Amino acid sequence: MIIWIASYPKSGNTWVRAIISSFLNSNSSEIDINNLKIRQFPLAQDFKELISDFKSEEQFVKNCIHAQEKINLDNQIKFFKTHSAYWKYGNYAFTNEINSLGVIHVVRDPRNVITSVMNHFNQTANSYEKAMRFITDEKKMLSSENLPQSENDIPTIISSWSNHYNSWKKFKKNNLLIKYENLLTKPESEFHKIAEFLTELVKTKINPSQIYNTVKNTEFKKFKTQESINGFKEAAKNKNNENINFFHLGPENNWQKLLSENTKKTIESTFGKEMRELGYL
């Protein structure tokens, strides 16, 4: 059975994976960002013998559940990162309750997502308009030209920021919502939520000292330092095939300082319903 760590791109998925890796490995030392052992889904390796064209959206949609059935043949609990929306097309869907044990759904204020998207996907300077089109595109897919090499072998259907958020709300089985902003401002409280969720689903005991150590060992500045020394294998590439810093601004990504009034108003107008629901407005 799969437990998903699901998020729109640049919303804290890597951070939550690091937290889970620390909890499940009773790790009291520094977290290695290049060895989190929670990989992406979908990848082409999951669809071998199921589809003939890995760029075919139709073949992918028809076989997404079949791929998960293959993954679950061992009857073990496992974690997967995904940026996919919880989409449904006719009789087909991204996942179902037979193959999924639950989801940790990570969300982030779109006024901060837009700046991180612009950096990660190598938008040029002054391209908030392009990034805005990215996060509002209801048919948006991540493909080989805007994914790291390790993840570029099959489409990921993400849709718009609002559709992505609303889609995972509809997954009713063991659904834990985590806000990126709360991880920043009250980490111990949010880490406790994740620990309690995992304790129930994975039947593992997580003690208070683990939570305290995980808070200290998953600080953004530590990840940023690791990336500067060792690189990060999930980082995207620029046009010169050079890594773009994955851990870019973190807590310093403050829309109040970075966004123009026009961009701010456009985002709030476009995503107002969801932002109010999440307490961002």
Protein backbone atom coordinates (compact mmCIF):
# COMPACT_ATOMS: atom_id res chain seq x y z
CA MET A 1 0.00 0.00 0.00
CA ILE A 2 1.24 3.47 -0.90
CA ILE A 3 1.36 6.53 1.32
CA TRP A 4 1.68 9.60 -0.90
CA ILE A 5 3.55 12.80 -0.13
CA ALA A 6 1.61 14.91 -2.61
CA SER A 7 2.24 18.54 -3.38
CA TYR A 8 2.21 21.09 -6.14
CA PRO A 9 5.81 21.74 -7.28
CA LYS A 10 7.91 23.89 -4.93
CA SER A 11 5.62 23.47 -1.94
CA GLY A 12 7.76 21.59 0.58
CA ASN A 13 7.68 17.99 -0.64
CA THR A 14 11.42 17.46 -0.14
CA TRP A 15 11.23 18.85 3.38
CA VAL A 16 8.42 16.47 4.35
CA ARG A 17 10.29 13.52 2.80
CA ALA A 18 13.31 14.41 4.94
CA ILE A 19 11.10 14.53 8.04
CA ILE A 20 9.63 11.11 7.28
CA SER A 21 13.04 9.62 6.50
CA SER A 22 14.30 10.84 9.85
CA PHE A 23 11.33 9.45 11.76
CA LEU A 24 11.33 6.04 10.15
CA ASN A 25 15.08 5.55 10.46
CA SER A 26 15.30 6.83 14.06
CA ASN A 27 17.89 9.18 12.66
CA SER A 28 19.42 11.56 15.19
CA SER A 29 22.13 12.83 12.83
CA GLU A 30 22.22 15.08 9.79
CA ILE A 31 19.85 14.16 6.96
CA ASP A 32 21.47 13.41 3.59
CA ILE A 33 19.27 15.17 1.03
CA ASN A 34 20.62 12.92 -1.73
CA ASN A 35 19.63 9.75 0.10
CA LEU A 36 16.04 10.26 1.23
CA LYS A 37 14.92 6.85 -0.10
CA ILE A 38 11.47 8.15 -1.03
CA ARG A 39 11.33 8.42 -4.77
CA GLN A 40 9.10 10.02 -7.34
CA PHE A 41 6.01 8.51 -8.91
CA PRO A 42 5.43 8.26 -11.84
CA LEU A 43 8.66 7.05 -13.39
CA ALA A 44 9.02 5.02 -16.57
CA GLN A 45 10.36 2.03 -14.62
CA ASP A 46 6.90 1.63 -13.07
CA PHE A 47 5.28 1.26 -16.50
CA LYS A 48 7.55 -1.30 -18.12
CA GLU A 49 5.53 -3.87 -20.05
CA LEU A 50 2.42 -1.69 -19.60
CA ILE A 51 2.94 1.03 -22.19
CA SER A 52 4.90 1.36 -25.41
CA ASP A 53 5.19 5.16 -25.61
CA PHE A 54 6.34 6.83 -22.41
CA LYS A 55 5.37 10.26 -23.73
CA SER A 56 1.79 9.20 -24.42
CA GLU A 57 -0.62 10.83 -22.00
CA GLU A 58 -3.39 8.43 -23.07
CA GLN A 59 -1.32 5.30 -22.36
CA PHE A 60 -0.14 6.73 -19.04
CA VAL A 61 -3.67 7.60 -17.89
CA LYS A 62 -4.99 4.13 -18.76
CA ASN A 63 -2.19 2.35 -16.89
CA CYS A 64 -1.51 4.47 -13.81
CA ILE A 65 -3.54 2.18 -11.53
CA HIS A 66 -2.03 -0.92 -13.16
CA ALA A 67 1.45 0.39 -12.39
CA GLN A 68 0.52 0.81 -8.74
CA GLU A 69 -0.94 -2.69 -8.63
CA LYS A 70 2.47 -3.97 -9.74
CA ILE A 71 4.22 -1.89 -7.07
CA ASN A 72 1.89 -3.28 -4.40
CA LEU A 73 2.38 -6.95 -5.23
CA ASP A 74 4.73 -7.29 -2.26
CA ASN A 75 1.97 -6.16 0.16
CA GLN A 76 4.38 -3.76 1.86
CA ILE A 77 3.78 -0.16 2.94
CA LYS A 78 5.88 2.29 0.96
CA PHE A 79 6.12 6.06 0.48
CA PHE A 80 6.16 7.94 -2.81
CA LYS A 81 6.63 11.58 -3.62
CA THR A 82 4.31 12.92 -6.29
CA HIS A 83 3.54 16.26 -7.86
CA SER A 84 0.62 14.72 -9.72
CA ALA A 85 -2.87 16.02 -9.14
CA TYR A 86 -5.42 13.47 -7.97
CA TRP A 87 -6.95 13.47 -11.42
CA LYS A 88 -9.81 11.39 -12.78
CA TYR A 89 -10.51 10.89 -16.49
CA GLY A 90 -13.62 8.83 -17.14
CA ASN A 91 -12.98 5.36 -15.75
CA TYR A 92 -9.33 6.14 -15.05
CA ALA A 93 -7.68 7.87 -12.10
CA PHE A 94 -4.25 8.70 -10.69
CA THR A 95 -4.80 6.33 -7.77
CA ASN A 96 -7.52 4.70 -5.68
CA GLU A 97 -8.14 3.55 -2.11
CA ILE A 98 -7.26 -0.05 -2.98
CA ASN A 99 -3.67 0.90 -3.79
CA SER A 100 -3.28 3.86 -1.44
CA LEU A 101 -3.16 3.83 2.35
CA GLY A 102 -3.22 7.60 2.69
CA VAL A 103 -1.73 10.96 1.70
CA ILE A 104 0.26 13.72 3.34
CA HIS A 105 -0.93 16.67 1.29
CA VAL A 106 1.52 19.59 1.44
CA VAL A 107 0.34 23.05 0.36
CA ARG A 108 2.02 26.45 0.12
CA ASP A 109 0.78 30.00 -0.42
CA PRO A 110 0.73 30.50 -4.22
CA ARG A 111 2.17 33.99 -3.75
CA ASN A 112 5.38 32.25 -2.66
CA VAL A 113 5.04 29.25 -4.97
CA ILE A 114 5.24 31.52 -8.02
CA THR A 115 8.72 32.82 -7.14
CA SER A 116 10.06 29.31 -6.47
CA VAL A 117 8.53 28.03 -9.71
CA MET A 118 10.19 30.86 -11.61
CA ASN A 119 13.61 29.91 -10.18
CA HIS A 120 13.29 26.12 -10.36
CA PHE A 121 12.04 25.93 -13.92
CA ASN A 122 14.64 28.41 -15.11
CA GLN A 123 12.38 31.27 -16.09
CA THR A 124 14.25 34.39 -17.15
CA ALA A 125 14.34 37.58 -15.14
CA ASN A 126 11.13 39.58 -14.93
CA SER A 127 9.08 36.55 -16.03
CA TYR A 128 6.38 36.49 -13.38
CA GLU A 129 3.88 36.49 -16.24
CA LYS A 130 5.29 33.17 -17.51
CA ALA A 131 5.28 31.72 -14.01
CA MET A 132 1.69 32.90 -13.59
CA ARG A 133 0.71 31.04 -16.75
CA PHE A 134 2.47 27.98 -15.32
CA ILE A 135 0.49 27.91 -12.05
CA THR A 136 -2.87 28.73 -13.68
CA ASP A 137 -2.64 26.24 -16.56
CA GLU A 138 -5.37 23.64 -15.95
CA LYS A 139 -3.75 21.29 -18.47
CA LYS A 140 -0.23 21.70 -17.15
CA MET A 141 2.07 18.67 -17.27
CA LEU A 142 5.69 18.37 -16.23
CA SER A 143 7.74 16.93 -19.05
CA SER A 144 11.35 16.22 -19.91
CA GLU A 145 12.26 19.83 -20.63
CA ASN A 146 11.37 21.03 -17.12
CA LEU A 147 12.28 18.09 -14.91
CA PRO A 148 15.62 16.88 -13.52
CA GLN A 149 17.17 14.08 -15.54
CA SER A 150 16.22 11.49 -12.92
CA GLU A 151 12.54 12.31 -13.27
CA ASN A 152 12.13 13.16 -16.94
CA ASP A 153 10.94 9.92 -18.44
CA ILE A 154 7.15 10.14 -18.17
CA PRO A 155 4.58 13.00 -17.99
CA THR A 156 3.26 14.19 -14.63
CA ILE A 157 -0.19 15.81 -14.75
CA ILE A 158 -0.18 18.67 -12.23
CA SER A 159 -2.91 21.00 -13.58
CA SER A 160 -3.19 24.46 -11.95
CA TRP A 161 -2.33 25.30 -8.33
CA SER A 162 -6.03 25.49 -7.40
CA ASN A 163 -7.04 22.30 -9.24
CA HIS A 164 -4.14 20.45 -7.64
CA TYR A 165 -5.16 21.56 -4.14
CA ASN A 166 -8.84 20.83 -4.69
CA SER A 167 -8.16 17.42 -6.25
CA TRP A 168 -6.27 16.03 -3.25
CA LYS A 169 -8.97 17.33 -0.91
CA LYS A 170 -11.22 14.73 -2.51
CA PHE A 171 -9.05 11.81 -1.43
CA LYS A 172 -10.89 10.81 1.73
CA LYS A 173 -8.77 7.96 3.08
CA ASN A 174 -6.24 9.04 5.76
CA ASN A 175 -5.67 12.54 4.41
CA LEU A 176 -3.32 14.81 6.39
CA LEU A 177 -3.03 18.45 5.25
CA ILE A 178 0.28 20.17 6.05
CA LYS A 179 0.92 23.84 5.30
CA TYR A 180 4.46 24.81 4.36
CA GLU A 181 4.11 28.02 6.36
CA ASN A 182 3.36 26.09 9.55
CA LEU A 183 6.48 23.98 9.05
CA LEU A 184 8.39 27.27 9.10
CA THR A 185 6.66 29.03 11.99
CA LYS A 186 5.76 26.18 14.34
CA PRO A 187 7.82 23.16 13.25
CA GLU A 188 7.49 21.07 16.42
CA SER A 189 3.69 21.22 16.28
CA GLU A 190 3.59 20.23 12.60
CA PHE A 191 6.22 17.52 13.05
CA HIS A 192 4.07 16.09 15.85
CA LYS A 193 1.10 15.94 13.44
CA ILE A 194 3.18 14.01 10.92
CA ALA A 195 4.53 11.72 13.66
CA GLU A 196 1.03 10.92 14.93
CA PHE A 197 -0.19 10.25 11.39
CA LEU A 198 2.68 7.85 10.75
CA THR A 199 2.27 6.16 14.12
CA GLU A 200 -1.30 5.29 13.20
CA LEU A 201 -0.63 4.13 9.63
CA VAL A 202 2.79 2.51 9.88
CA LYS A 203 2.42 1.31 13.47
CA THR A 204 5.78 2.72 14.52
CA LYS A 205 6.57 4.58 17.72
CA ILE A 206 8.13 8.03 17.36
CA ASN A 207 9.40 9.49 20.61
CA PRO A 208 9.68 13.20 21.50
CA SER A 209 13.47 13.22 21.19
CA GLN A 210 13.17 12.07 17.56
CA ILE A 211 10.84 14.97 16.84
CA TYR A 212 13.21 17.46 18.47
CA ASN A 213 16.21 16.07 16.57
CA THR A 214 14.32 16.07 13.29
CA VAL A 215 13.38 19.74 13.72
CA LYS A 216 17.08 20.57 14.15
CA ASN A 217 18.33 18.29 11.40
CA THR A 218 15.92 19.40 8.68
CA GLU A 219 16.51 23.13 8.84
CA PHE A 220 16.58 24.83 5.45
CA LYS A 221 20.05 26.29 5.99
CA LYS A 222 21.49 22.80 6.50
CA PHE A 223 20.00 21.56 3.23
CA LYS A 224 21.25 24.66 1.42
CA THR A 225 24.77 24.07 2.76
CA GLN A 226 24.66 20.41 1.68
CA GLU A 227 23.61 21.41 -1.81
CA SER A 228 26.40 23.97 -2.09
CA ILE A 229 28.96 21.27 -1.19
CA ASN A 230 27.58 18.08 -2.76
CA GLY A 231 24.90 19.31 -5.16
CA PHE A 232 21.35 17.94 -5.21
CA LYS A 233 20.43 15.21 -7.67
CA GLU A 234 16.84 16.47 -8.03
CA ALA A 235 17.88 19.98 -9.06
CA ALA A 236 16.75 21.17 -12.47
CA LYS A 237 19.20 22.25 -15.16
CA ASN A 238 19.56 25.58 -16.95
CA LYS A 239 20.19 25.96 -20.67
CA ASN A 240 23.90 25.38 -20.12
CA ASN A 241 23.16 22.06 -18.38
CA GLU A 242 24.18 23.55 -15.03
CA ASN A 243 22.25 22.84 -11.83
CA ILE A 244 19.81 25.50 -10.68
CA ASN A 245 19.88 25.88 -6.90
CA PHE A 246 16.99 23.82 -5.55
CA PHE A 247 17.24 25.26 -2.04
CA HIS A 248 16.98 28.84 -3.22
CA LEU A 249 15.23 31.25 -0.85
CA GLY A 250 13.33 29.08 1.62
CA PRO A 251 12.18 31.26 4.56
CA GLU A 252 13.41 34.34 2.67
CA ASN A 253 10.85 33.73 -0.08
CA ASN A 254 8.47 36.39 1.18
CA TRP A 255 5.84 37.50 -1.30
CA GLN A 256 5.37 40.77 0.61
CA LYS A 257 8.91 41.75 -0.35
CA LEU A 258 9.18 40.11 -3.76
CA LEU A 259 5.87 40.48 -5.60
CA SER A 260 4.62 43.51 -7.43
CA GLU A 261 1.19 44.75 -6.42
CA ASN A 262 -0.19 43.68 -9.78
CA THR A 263 1.12 40.10 -9.48
CA LYS A 264 -0.15 39.84 -5.90
CA LYS A 265 -3.63 41.01 -6.89
CA THR A 266 -3.75 38.65 -9.88
CA ILE A 267 -2.90 35.63 -7.73
CA GLU A 268 -5.37 36.61 -5.00
CA SER A 269 -8.11 37.15 -7.55
CA THR A 270 -7.41 33.87 -9.36
CA PHE A 271 -7.04 31.67 -6.28
CA GLY A 272 -9.06 33.67 -3.75
CA LYS A 273 -11.51 30.90 -2.83
CA GLU A 274 -8.79 28.37 -2.03
CA MET A 275 -6.55 30.93 -0.33
CA ARG A 276 -9.35 31.99 2.03
CA GLU A 277 -10.11 28.36 2.78
CA LEU A 278 -6.47 27.81 3.73
CA GLY A 279 -6.25 31.01 5.76
CA TYR A 280 -3.90 32.79 3.38
CA LEU A 281 -6.39 35.65 2.93
